[in-house]
């Protein structure tokens, strides 16, 4: 009987894990969204510094989030240097909230 309850519990945990947003499962993309949720906008340089990513890696992650309409980029020149500002969209904020809620439910169930 205990095995059956444990198996049912594992299925429930697995179902919770399946409700995660696959795009936000990567630590860098999750980090980008969390940072942008706490700030109106951040530059590429600032994100790179905070996340300790290379230009290529960060650019690829930002592109994936941009392709899903989770963030927008505004480009400008400052002191004759190009600067890219990233901010979270409404879709990105919603996706982040749902992903964090799914993580919270999983943690609560495991801790119960």
N, C-alpha and C. Protein backbone atom coordinates (compact mmCIF):
# COMPACT_ATOMS: atom_id res chain seq x y z
N UNK A 1 0.82 -1.20 0.00
CA UNK A 1 0.00 0.00 0.00
C UNK A 1 0.86 1.26 0.00
N UNK A 2 1.96 1.23 0.77
CA UNK A 2 2.86 2.39 0.83
C UNK A 2 3.50 2.64 -0.53
N UNK A 3 3.83 1.55 -1.24
CA UNK A 3 4.43 1.71 -2.57
C UNK A 3 3.45 2.38 -3.54
N UNK A 4 2.17 2.00 -3.42
CA UNK A 4 1.17 2.57 -4.31
C UNK A 4 1.04 4.07 -4.07
N UNK A 5 1.00 4.48 -2.78
CA UNK A 5 0.92 5.90 -2.48
C UNK A 5 2.15 6.64 -2.98
N UNK A 6 3.32 6.01 -2.83
CA UNK A 6 4.55 6.64 -3.30
C UNK A 6 4.52 6.77 -4.83
N UNK A 7 4.04 5.76 -5.53
CA UNK A 7 3.96 5.82 -6.98
C UNK A 7 2.98 6.92 -7.42
N UNK A 8 1.83 7.02 -6.74
CA UNK A 8 0.87 8.06 -7.06
C UNK A 8 1.47 9.44 -6.80
N UNK A 9 2.21 9.55 -5.72
CA UNK A 9 2.85 10.82 -5.38
C UNK A 9 3.88 11.20 -6.44
N UNK A 10 4.65 10.22 -6.93
CA UNK A 10 5.65 10.49 -7.95
C UNK A 10 5.00 10.93 -9.26
N UNK A 11 3.86 10.34 -9.59
CA UNK A 11 3.15 10.75 -10.80
C UNK A 11 2.72 12.20 -10.66
N UNK A 12 2.21 12.55 -9.52
CA UNK A 12 1.77 13.92 -9.29
C UNK A 12 2.95 14.89 -9.39
N UNK A 13 4.08 14.52 -8.84
CA UNK A 13 5.27 15.36 -8.93
C UNK A 13 5.71 15.49 -10.39
N UNK A 14 5.67 14.39 -11.12
CA UNK A 14 6.05 14.42 -12.53
C UNK A 14 5.11 15.33 -13.32
N UNK A 15 3.80 15.26 -13.03
CA UNK A 15 2.84 16.14 -13.70
C UNK A 15 3.16 17.60 -13.41
N UNK A 16 3.55 17.90 -12.18
CA UNK A 16 3.90 19.28 -11.83
C UNK A 16 5.14 19.73 -12.61
N UNK A 17 6.12 18.85 -12.72
CA UNK A 17 7.34 19.19 -13.46
C UNK A 17 7.03 19.44 -14.94
N UNK A 18 6.04 18.74 -15.46
CA UNK A 18 5.66 18.94 -16.86
C UNK A 18 4.96 20.26 -17.10
N UNK A 19 4.53 20.94 -16.03
CA UNK A 19 3.87 22.24 -16.20
C UNK A 19 4.87 23.39 -16.24
N UNK A 20 6.16 23.07 -16.13
CA UNK A 20 7.19 24.11 -16.21
C UNK A 20 7.26 24.65 -17.64
N UNK A 21 7.69 25.88 -17.74
CA UNK A 21 7.91 26.50 -19.04
C UNK A 21 9.29 26.04 -19.53
N UNK A 22 9.32 25.26 -20.58
CA UNK A 22 10.59 24.69 -21.08
C UNK A 22 11.61 25.77 -21.41
N UNK A 23 11.17 26.89 -21.92
CA UNK A 23 12.09 27.96 -22.28
C UNK A 23 12.76 28.55 -21.05
N UNK A 24 12.06 28.54 -19.91
CA UNK A 24 12.61 29.13 -18.69
C UNK A 24 13.31 28.11 -17.80
N UNK A 25 13.43 26.88 -18.25
CA UNK A 25 14.14 25.88 -17.46
C UNK A 25 15.65 26.12 -17.45
N UNK A 26 16.15 26.80 -18.46
CA UNK A 26 17.59 27.08 -18.50
C UNK A 26 17.91 28.22 -17.53
N UNK A 27 18.93 28.05 -16.74
CA UNK A 27 19.24 29.03 -15.68
C UNK A 27 19.51 30.43 -16.22
N UNK A 28 20.11 30.53 -17.39
CA UNK A 28 20.41 31.85 -17.93
C UNK A 28 19.13 32.56 -18.36
N UNK A 29 18.24 31.86 -19.07
CA UNK A 29 16.99 32.49 -19.50
C UNK A 29 16.10 32.82 -18.31
N UNK A 30 16.09 31.95 -17.31
CA UNK A 30 15.34 32.24 -16.09
C UNK A 30 15.94 33.46 -15.39
N UNK A 31 17.26 33.50 -15.31
CA UNK A 31 17.94 34.64 -14.70
C UNK A 31 17.66 35.94 -15.41
N UNK A 32 17.66 35.91 -16.73
CA UNK A 32 17.34 37.11 -17.52
C UNK A 32 15.96 37.62 -17.15
N UNK A 33 14.98 36.72 -17.15
CA UNK A 33 13.60 37.12 -16.87
C UNK A 33 13.43 37.63 -15.44
N UNK A 34 14.07 36.99 -14.49
CA UNK A 34 13.98 37.44 -13.10
C UNK A 34 14.59 38.83 -12.96
N UNK A 35 15.75 39.04 -13.54
CA UNK A 35 16.40 40.35 -13.48
C UNK A 35 15.54 41.43 -14.14
N UNK A 36 14.96 41.11 -15.29
CA UNK A 36 14.14 42.09 -15.99
C UNK A 36 12.81 42.33 -15.28
N UNK A 37 12.32 41.35 -14.54
CA UNK A 37 11.09 41.54 -13.78
C UNK A 37 11.32 42.50 -12.62
N UNK A 38 12.56 42.56 -12.14
CA UNK A 38 12.89 43.44 -11.01
C UNK A 38 13.37 44.81 -11.44
N UNK A 39 13.62 44.98 -12.73
CA UNK A 39 14.11 46.25 -13.29
C UNK A 39 13.30 46.59 -14.52
N UNK A 40 13.11 47.87 -14.76
CA UNK A 40 12.37 48.28 -15.96
C UNK A 40 13.08 47.84 -17.23
N UNK A 41 14.40 48.00 -17.25
CA UNK A 41 15.20 47.63 -18.40
C UNK A 41 16.66 47.49 -17.96
N UNK A 42 17.39 46.63 -18.63
CA UNK A 42 18.81 46.45 -18.38
C UNK A 42 19.54 46.38 -19.71
N UNK A 43 20.78 46.84 -19.72
CA UNK A 43 21.57 46.77 -20.94
C UNK A 43 22.16 45.38 -21.10
N UNK A 44 22.57 45.10 -22.33
CA UNK A 44 23.26 43.85 -22.61
C UNK A 44 24.48 43.71 -21.72
N UNK A 45 25.24 44.78 -21.57
CA UNK A 45 26.46 44.74 -20.75
C UNK A 45 26.16 44.41 -19.31
N UNK A 46 25.08 45.00 -18.78
CA UNK A 46 24.73 44.75 -17.38
C UNK A 46 24.27 43.31 -17.19
N UNK A 47 23.45 42.81 -18.10
CA UNK A 47 23.02 41.41 -18.03
C UNK A 47 24.21 40.47 -18.11
N UNK A 48 25.12 40.77 -19.02
CA UNK A 48 26.32 39.95 -19.19
C UNK A 48 27.13 39.91 -17.89
N UNK A 49 27.27 41.04 -17.26
CA UNK A 49 28.02 41.13 -16.01
C UNK A 49 27.32 40.38 -14.88
N UNK A 50 26.04 40.59 -14.73
CA UNK A 50 25.30 39.96 -13.64
C UNK A 50 25.20 38.44 -13.79
N UNK A 51 25.04 37.98 -15.03
CA UNK A 51 24.87 36.55 -15.28
C UNK A 51 26.17 35.82 -15.58
N UNK A 52 27.26 36.59 -15.74
CA UNK A 52 28.58 36.02 -16.03
C UNK A 52 28.54 35.11 -17.26
N UNK A 53 27.98 35.66 -18.33
CA UNK A 53 27.86 34.94 -19.60
C UNK A 53 28.75 35.58 -20.64
N UNK A 54 29.09 34.82 -21.66
CA UNK A 54 29.84 35.38 -22.79
C UNK A 54 28.86 36.12 -23.71
N UNK A 55 29.40 36.95 -24.58
CA UNK A 55 28.55 37.68 -25.53
C UNK A 55 27.69 36.72 -26.35
N UNK A 56 28.32 35.70 -26.90
CA UNK A 56 27.60 34.76 -27.77
C UNK A 56 26.52 33.99 -27.05
N UNK A 57 26.83 33.51 -25.86
CA UNK A 57 25.85 32.75 -25.08
C UNK A 57 24.67 33.62 -24.69
N UNK A 58 24.97 34.80 -24.14
CA UNK A 58 23.89 35.70 -23.73
C UNK A 58 23.05 36.12 -24.93
N UNK A 59 23.68 36.44 -26.03
CA UNK A 59 22.95 36.83 -27.23
C UNK A 59 22.00 35.75 -27.71
N UNK A 60 22.43 34.50 -27.66
CA UNK A 60 21.58 33.39 -28.08
C UNK A 60 20.38 33.24 -27.16
N UNK A 61 20.59 33.36 -25.86
CA UNK A 61 19.48 33.25 -24.90
C UNK A 61 18.50 34.41 -25.06
N UNK A 62 19.03 35.61 -25.23
CA UNK A 62 18.17 36.78 -25.43
C UNK A 62 17.34 36.64 -26.70
N UNK A 63 17.95 36.13 -27.74
CA UNK A 63 17.24 35.94 -29.02
C UNK A 63 16.07 34.97 -28.85
N UNK A 64 16.30 33.86 -28.12
CA UNK A 64 15.22 32.90 -27.90
C UNK A 64 14.05 33.53 -27.16
N UNK A 65 14.36 34.33 -26.14
CA UNK A 65 13.31 35.01 -25.38
C UNK A 65 12.60 36.06 -26.23
N UNK A 66 13.36 36.74 -27.06
CA UNK A 66 12.78 37.75 -27.95
C UNK A 66 11.88 37.08 -28.99
N UNK A 67 12.31 35.95 -29.54
CA UNK A 67 11.51 35.23 -30.53
C UNK A 67 10.16 34.78 -29.96
N UNK A 68 10.11 34.51 -28.66
CA UNK A 68 8.87 34.10 -28.00
C UNK A 68 8.06 35.29 -27.48
N UNK A 69 8.52 36.50 -27.79
CA UNK A 69 7.88 37.74 -27.34
C UNK A 69 7.89 37.87 -25.80
N UNK A 70 8.92 37.34 -25.17
CA UNK A 70 9.07 37.48 -23.72
C UNK A 70 9.82 38.75 -23.36
N UNK A 71 10.56 39.29 -24.31
CA UNK A 71 11.26 40.54 -24.06
C UNK A 71 11.36 41.35 -25.33
N UNK A 72 11.63 42.63 -25.15
CA UNK A 72 11.85 43.54 -26.28
C UNK A 72 13.20 44.21 -26.08
N UNK A 73 13.77 44.64 -27.20
CA UNK A 73 15.06 45.32 -27.16
C UNK A 73 14.92 46.67 -27.83
N UNK A 74 15.51 47.67 -27.20
CA UNK A 74 15.60 49.01 -27.79
C UNK A 74 17.07 49.34 -27.92
N UNK A 75 17.44 49.77 -29.12
CA UNK A 75 18.85 50.07 -29.39
C UNK A 75 19.04 51.57 -29.52
N UNK A 76 20.12 52.05 -28.94
CA UNK A 76 20.45 53.46 -29.02
C UNK A 76 21.96 53.63 -29.02
N UNK A 77 22.39 54.83 -29.29
CA UNK A 77 23.81 55.13 -29.21
C UNK A 77 24.05 56.05 -28.03
N UNK A 78 25.05 55.70 -27.23
CA UNK A 78 25.49 56.53 -26.11
C UNK A 78 26.97 56.75 -26.26
N UNK A 79 27.36 58.00 -26.31
CA UNK A 79 28.77 58.33 -26.52
C UNK A 79 29.33 57.60 -27.73
N UNK A 80 28.53 57.58 -28.78
CA UNK A 80 28.91 56.94 -30.05
C UNK A 80 29.06 55.42 -29.97
N UNK A 81 28.56 54.82 -28.91
CA UNK A 81 28.62 53.37 -28.77
C UNK A 81 27.20 52.83 -28.80
N UNK A 82 27.00 51.71 -29.50
CA UNK A 82 25.66 51.11 -29.51
C UNK A 82 25.34 50.49 -28.15
N UNK A 83 24.12 50.73 -27.69
CA UNK A 83 23.66 50.16 -26.42
C UNK A 83 22.30 49.52 -26.64
N UNK A 84 22.17 48.29 -26.19
CA UNK A 84 20.90 47.56 -26.31
C UNK A 84 20.26 47.46 -24.93
N UNK A 85 19.04 47.94 -24.82
CA UNK A 85 18.27 47.88 -23.59
C UNK A 85 17.20 46.80 -23.72
N UNK A 86 17.12 45.90 -22.75
CA UNK A 86 16.15 44.82 -22.78
C UNK A 86 15.13 45.03 -21.67
N UNK A 87 13.88 44.73 -21.99
CA UNK A 87 12.83 44.78 -20.98
C UNK A 87 11.85 43.64 -21.21
N UNK A 88 11.21 43.23 -20.14
CA UNK A 88 10.27 42.12 -20.17
C UNK A 88 8.92 42.59 -20.72
N UNK A 89 8.32 41.79 -21.55
CA UNK A 89 6.98 42.11 -22.07
C UNK A 89 5.93 41.56 -21.11
N UNK A 90 4.69 41.90 -21.39
CA UNK A 90 3.59 41.36 -20.59
C UNK A 90 3.57 39.83 -20.70
N UNK A 91 3.79 39.31 -21.91
CA UNK A 91 3.83 37.85 -22.10
C UNK A 91 4.97 37.22 -21.31
N UNK A 92 6.12 37.89 -21.31
CA UNK A 92 7.27 37.38 -20.57
C UNK A 92 7.03 37.37 -19.08
N UNK A 93 6.42 38.42 -18.58
CA UNK A 93 6.11 38.50 -17.14
C UNK A 93 5.12 37.40 -16.75
N UNK A 94 4.11 37.19 -17.59
CA UNK A 94 3.11 36.14 -17.31
C UNK A 94 3.76 34.76 -17.33
N UNK A 95 4.60 34.51 -18.32
CA UNK A 95 5.28 33.22 -18.42
C UNK A 95 6.18 32.98 -17.20
N UNK A 96 6.88 34.01 -16.77
CA UNK A 96 7.74 33.89 -15.59
C UNK A 96 6.90 33.59 -14.35
N UNK A 97 5.82 34.32 -14.16
CA UNK A 97 4.96 34.10 -12.99
C UNK A 97 4.41 32.68 -12.97
N UNK A 98 3.95 32.20 -14.12
CA UNK A 98 3.40 30.84 -14.20
C UNK A 98 4.48 29.79 -13.92
N UNK A 99 5.67 30.02 -14.44
CA UNK A 99 6.78 29.09 -14.23
C UNK A 99 7.16 29.04 -12.74
N UNK A 100 7.24 30.21 -12.11
CA UNK A 100 7.59 30.26 -10.69
C UNK A 100 6.50 29.65 -9.83
N UNK A 101 5.25 29.83 -10.21
CA UNK A 101 4.15 29.20 -9.49
C UNK A 101 4.25 27.68 -9.59
N UNK A 102 4.56 27.17 -10.77
CA UNK A 102 4.72 25.72 -10.95
C UNK A 102 5.87 25.20 -10.10
N UNK A 103 6.96 25.93 -10.05
CA UNK A 103 8.08 25.53 -9.19
C UNK A 103 7.66 25.54 -7.73
N UNK A 104 6.91 26.55 -7.32
CA UNK A 104 6.44 26.65 -5.94
C UNK A 104 5.54 25.48 -5.57
N UNK A 105 4.64 25.11 -6.48
CA UNK A 105 3.75 23.95 -6.21
C UNK A 105 4.57 22.67 -6.06
N UNK A 106 5.56 22.51 -6.92
CA UNK A 106 6.40 21.31 -6.83
C UNK A 106 7.15 21.27 -5.50
N UNK A 107 7.73 22.40 -5.12
CA UNK A 107 8.48 22.47 -3.86
C UNK A 107 7.55 22.19 -2.70
N UNK A 108 6.34 22.76 -2.71
CA UNK A 108 5.39 22.54 -1.63
C UNK A 108 5.01 21.08 -1.54
N UNK A 109 4.80 20.44 -2.68
CA UNK A 109 4.40 19.03 -2.67
C UNK A 109 5.53 18.14 -2.18
N UNK A 110 6.73 18.43 -2.59
CA UNK A 110 7.87 17.62 -2.15
C UNK A 110 8.07 17.78 -0.64
N UNK A 111 7.85 19.01 -0.16
CA UNK A 111 8.04 19.27 1.26
C UNK A 111 6.94 18.74 2.14
N UNK A 112 5.78 18.41 1.53
CA UNK A 112 4.62 17.97 2.32
C UNK A 112 4.77 16.57 2.85
